[in-house]
Amino acid sequence: MADSIFTRIIKGEISCEKVYEGELTLAFLDVNPTQPGHTLVIPKKQIDQLWDLPDEDYLALMSTCKKVAQRMKTVLGVKRVGVKVIGEEVPHAHIHLIPFNSAEQFYQRRPAEVDPDHKVLAEMAKKLAF
């Protein structure tokens, strides 16, 4: 299987706005966020579907999601952090963490892809980074 865009990010071939990195996981900002702070959490092992991850990687992924979500709530002052597992766009298991205060914010559709505002993303990553 060819390296996914996420594997290329892990290898440092593509840059990202990193929020957290563990031995088995990486969390970074989505470049096309539905809400400010929208973060992707991925296992470092490239496996297409979440449910196919070995238990160790799955548990590490969920543990990272919990850490990052708690930090998002504290730093961003939101009521909730929602979880979405879509698994359609990139053949690499990943979880979307979306900070929100209302159902409308959580269910908002992804905006049309535009060039990311790297300055805004960098500022948000600095706020959320561990």
C-alpha atoms as a PDB file:
ATOM      1  CA  MET A   1       0.000   0.000   0.000  1.00  0.00           C
ATOM      2  CA  ALA A   2       1.293   3.448  -0.882  1.00  0.00           C
ATOM      3  CA  ASP A   3       1.943   5.866   1.956  1.00  0.00           C
ATOM      4  CA  SER A   4      -1.145   7.868   2.885  1.00  0.00           C
ATOM      5  CA  ILE A   5      -0.939  11.623   3.323  1.00  0.00           C
ATOM      6  CA  PHE A   6      -0.968  10.941   7.084  1.00  0.00           C
ATOM      7  CA  THR A   7       1.989   8.570   6.845  1.00  0.00           C
ATOM      8  CA  ARG A   8       3.819  11.240   4.877  1.00  0.00           C
ATOM      9  CA  ILE A   9       3.034  13.718   7.684  1.00  0.00           C
ATOM     10  CA  ILE A  10       4.375  11.227  10.270  1.00  0.00           C
ATOM     11  CA  LYS A  11       7.571  10.821   8.219  1.00  0.00           C
ATOM     12  CA  GLY A  12       7.976  14.622   8.035  1.00  0.00           C
ATOM     13  CA  GLU A  13       7.539  14.745   4.248  1.00  0.00           C
ATOM     14  CA  ILE A  14       4.502  17.019   4.669  1.00  0.00           C
ATOM     15  CA  SER A  15       4.253  19.615   7.423  1.00  0.00           C
ATOM     16  CA  CYS A  16       1.430  19.831   9.928  1.00  0.00           C
ATOM     17  CA  GLU A  17       0.406  21.936  12.895  1.00  0.00           C
ATOM     18  CA  LYS A  18       1.114  19.386  15.608  1.00  0.00           C
ATOM     19  CA  VAL A  19      -0.859  19.465  18.833  1.00  0.00           C
ATOM     20  CA  TYR A  20       0.365  16.233  20.462  1.00  0.00           C
ATOM     21  CA  GLU A  21       2.684  13.354  19.669  1.00  0.00           C
ATOM     22  CA  GLY A  22       3.000  10.078  21.509  1.00  0.00           C
ATOM     23  CA  GLU A  23       4.882   6.890  20.763  1.00  0.00           C
ATOM     24  CA  LEU A  24       1.980   5.411  18.771  1.00  0.00           C
ATOM     25  CA  THR A  25      -0.128   8.465  17.861  1.00  0.00           C
ATOM     26  CA  LEU A  26      -0.075  11.960  16.432  1.00  0.00           C
ATOM     27  CA  ALA A  27      -2.629  14.779  16.733  1.00  0.00           C
ATOM     28  CA  PHE A  28      -2.596  17.774  14.407  1.00  0.00           C
ATOM     29  CA  LEU A  29      -4.954  20.476  13.193  1.00  0.00           C
ATOM     30  CA  ASP A  30      -7.218  19.806  10.235  1.00  0.00           C
ATOM     31  CA  VAL A  31      -6.243  22.217   7.435  1.00  0.00           C
ATOM     32  CA  ASN A  32      -9.898  22.527   6.445  1.00  0.00           C
ATOM     33  CA  PRO A  33     -11.582  22.802   9.854  1.00  0.00           C
ATOM     34  CA  THR A  34     -15.311  22.808  10.509  1.00  0.00           C
ATOM     35  CA  GLN A  35     -14.615  24.716  13.766  1.00  0.00           C
ATOM     36  CA  PRO A  36     -11.490  26.445  15.088  1.00  0.00           C
ATOM     37  CA  GLY A  37      -9.334  23.808  16.753  1.00  0.00           C
ATOM     38  CA  HIS A  38     -10.699  20.885  14.687  1.00  0.00           C
ATOM     39  CA  THR A  39      -8.022  18.251  15.228  1.00  0.00           C
ATOM     40  CA  LEU A  40      -7.190  14.917  13.622  1.00  0.00           C
ATOM     41  CA  VAL A  41      -5.840  12.117  15.789  1.00  0.00           C
ATOM     42  CA  ILE A  42      -4.103   9.270  13.970  1.00  0.00           C
ATOM     43  CA  PRO A  43      -2.215   6.107  14.797  1.00  0.00           C
ATOM     44  CA  LYS A  44       1.342   6.127  13.497  1.00  0.00           C
ATOM     45  CA  LYS A  45       0.694   2.719  11.977  1.00  0.00           C
ATOM     46  CA  GLN A  46      -1.053   3.036   8.611  1.00  0.00           C
ATOM     47  CA  ILE A  47      -4.126   0.825   8.721  1.00  0.00           C
ATOM     48  CA  ASP A  48      -7.127   1.774   6.618  1.00  0.00           C
ATOM     49  CA  GLN A  49      -9.995   1.231   9.049  1.00  0.00           C
ATOM     50  CA  LEU A  50     -10.224   2.088  12.731  1.00  0.00           C
ATOM     51  CA  TRP A  51     -11.724  -1.274  13.660  1.00  0.00           C
ATOM     52  CA  ASP A  52      -8.791  -3.140  12.112  1.00  0.00           C
ATOM     53  CA  LEU A  53      -6.190  -1.532  14.395  1.00  0.00           C
ATOM     54  CA  PRO A  54      -4.386  -3.867  16.783  1.00  0.00           C
ATOM     55  CA  ASP A  55      -5.652  -3.331  20.346  1.00  0.00           C
ATOM     56  CA  GLU A  56      -2.488  -1.525  21.472  1.00  0.00           C
ATOM     57  CA  ASP A  57      -2.784   1.057  18.689  1.00  0.00           C
ATOM     58  CA  TYR A  58      -6.547   1.431  19.143  1.00  0.00           C
ATOM     59  CA  LEU A  59      -6.209   2.019  22.892  1.00  0.00           C
ATOM     60  CA  ALA A  60      -3.357   4.497  22.345  1.00  0.00           C
ATOM     61  CA  LEU A  61      -5.482   6.341  19.777  1.00  0.00           C
ATOM     62  CA  MET A  62      -8.441   6.606  22.160  1.00  0.00           C
ATOM     63  CA  SER A  63      -6.196   7.672  25.032  1.00  0.00           C
ATOM     64  CA  THR A  64      -4.730  10.423  22.860  1.00  0.00           C
ATOM     65  CA  CYS A  65      -8.226  11.535  21.834  1.00  0.00           C
ATOM     66  CA  LYS A  66      -9.177  11.867  25.504  1.00  0.00           C
ATOM     67  CA  LYS A  67      -6.053  13.912  26.355  1.00  0.00           C
ATOM     68  CA  VAL A  68      -6.454  16.221  23.388  1.00  0.00           C
ATOM     69  CA  ALA A  69     -10.219  16.668  23.891  1.00  0.00           C
ATOM     70  CA  GLN A  70      -9.730  17.592  27.548  1.00  0.00           C
ATOM     71  CA  ARG A  71      -7.077  20.115  26.558  1.00  0.00           C
ATOM     72  CA  MET A  72      -9.355  21.556  23.849  1.00  0.00           C
ATOM     73  CA  LYS A  73     -12.183  22.065  26.359  1.00  0.00           C
ATOM     74  CA  THR A  74      -9.859  23.839  28.786  1.00  0.00           C
ATOM     75  CA  VAL A  75      -7.993  26.007  26.280  1.00  0.00           C
ATOM     76  CA  LEU A  76     -10.880  26.859  23.960  1.00  0.00           C
ATOM     77  CA  GLY A  77     -13.560  27.137  26.640  1.00  0.00           C
ATOM     78  CA  VAL A  78     -16.095  25.087  24.688  1.00  0.00           C
ATOM     79  CA  LYS A  79     -18.935  23.064  26.203  1.00  0.00           C
ATOM     80  CA  ARG A  80     -18.123  19.896  24.288  1.00  0.00           C
ATOM     81  CA  VAL A  81     -15.664  18.174  21.993  1.00  0.00           C
ATOM     82  CA  GLY A  82     -17.347  15.866  19.510  1.00  0.00           C
ATOM     83  CA  VAL A  83     -15.924  12.834  17.772  1.00  0.00           C
ATOM     84  CA  LYS A  84     -16.397  11.895  14.131  1.00  0.00           C
ATOM     85  CA  VAL A  85     -15.048   8.802  12.442  1.00  0.00           C
ATOM     86  CA  ILE A  86     -15.683   9.091   8.740  1.00  0.00           C
ATOM     87  CA  GLY A  87     -12.921   6.972   7.233  1.00  0.00           C
ATOM     88  CA  GLU A  88     -13.624   7.816   3.638  1.00  0.00           C
ATOM     89  CA  GLU A  89     -11.134  10.420   2.477  1.00  0.00           C
ATOM     90  CA  VAL A  90      -7.792   8.968   3.591  1.00  0.00           C
ATOM     91  CA  PRO A  91      -6.974   5.230   3.788  1.00  0.00           C
ATOM     92  CA  HIS A  92      -5.454   5.653   7.254  1.00  0.00           C
ATOM     93  CA  ALA A  93      -7.553   5.310  10.416  1.00  0.00           C
ATOM     94  CA  HIS A  94      -8.235   8.697  11.985  1.00  0.00           C
ATOM     95  CA  ILE A  95     -10.567  10.480  14.366  1.00  0.00           C
ATOM     96  CA  HIS A  96     -11.851  14.030  14.064  1.00  0.00           C
ATOM     97  CA  LEU A  97     -12.123  15.976  17.329  1.00  0.00           C
ATOM     98  CA  ILE A  98     -14.386  18.976  16.899  1.00  0.00           C
ATOM     99  CA  PRO A  99     -14.825  21.596  19.636  1.00  0.00           C
ATOM    100  CA  PHE A 100     -18.340  23.024  19.766  1.00  0.00           C
ATOM    101  CA  ASN A 101     -20.973  24.833  21.804  1.00  0.00           C
ATOM    102  CA  SER A 102     -24.064  23.979  19.737  1.00  0.00           C
ATOM    103  CA  ALA A 103     -25.322  21.105  17.607  1.00  0.00           C
ATOM    104  CA  GLU A 104     -25.186  23.377  14.563  1.00  0.00           C
ATOM    105  CA  GLN A 105     -21.468  23.858  15.060  1.00  0.00           C
ATOM    106  CA  PHE A 106     -20.834  20.129  15.432  1.00  0.00           C
ATOM    107  CA  TYR A 107     -22.921  19.098  12.419  1.00  0.00           C
ATOM    108  CA  GLN A 108     -21.637  21.886  10.196  1.00  0.00           C
ATOM    109  CA  ARG A 109     -20.368  20.539   6.887  1.00  0.00           C
ATOM    110  CA  ARG A 110     -16.718  20.807   6.001  1.00  0.00           C
ATOM    111  CA  PRO A 111     -16.080  23.977   4.032  1.00  0.00           C
ATOM    112  CA  ALA A 112     -15.041  23.728   0.409  1.00  0.00           C
ATOM    113  CA  GLU A 113     -11.312  23.103   0.261  1.00  0.00           C
ATOM    114  CA  VAL A 114      -9.385  26.347   0.135  1.00  0.00           C
ATOM    115  CA  ASP A 115      -5.773  27.185   0.778  1.00  0.00           C
ATOM    116  CA  PRO A 116      -5.306  26.887   4.531  1.00  0.00           C
ATOM    117  CA  ASP A 117      -4.544  29.988   6.564  1.00  0.00           C
ATOM    118  CA  HIS A 118      -1.268  28.723   7.986  1.00  0.00           C
ATOM    119  CA  LYS A 119      -0.861  31.703  10.309  1.00  0.00           C
ATOM    120  CA  VAL A 120      -4.235  31.037  11.983  1.00  0.00           C
ATOM    121  CA  LEU A 121      -3.485  27.304  12.179  1.00  0.00           C
ATOM    122  CA  ALA A 122      -0.059  27.937  13.703  1.00  0.00           C
ATOM    123  CA  GLU A 123      -1.565  30.224  16.355  1.00  0.00           C
ATOM    124  CA  MET A 124      -4.204  27.620  17.242  1.00  0.00           C
ATOM    125  CA  ALA A 125      -1.593  24.824  17.381  1.00  0.00           C
ATOM    126  CA  LYS A 126       0.485  26.921  19.751  1.00  0.00           C
ATOM    127  CA  LYS A 127      -2.546  27.332  22.049  1.00  0.00           C
ATOM    128  CA  LEU A 128      -3.410  23.628  22.024  1.00  0.00           C
ATOM    129  CA  ALA A 129       0.088  22.131  22.029  1.00  0.00           C
ATOM    130  CA  PHE A 130       1.133  20.061  25.023  1.00  0.00           C
END
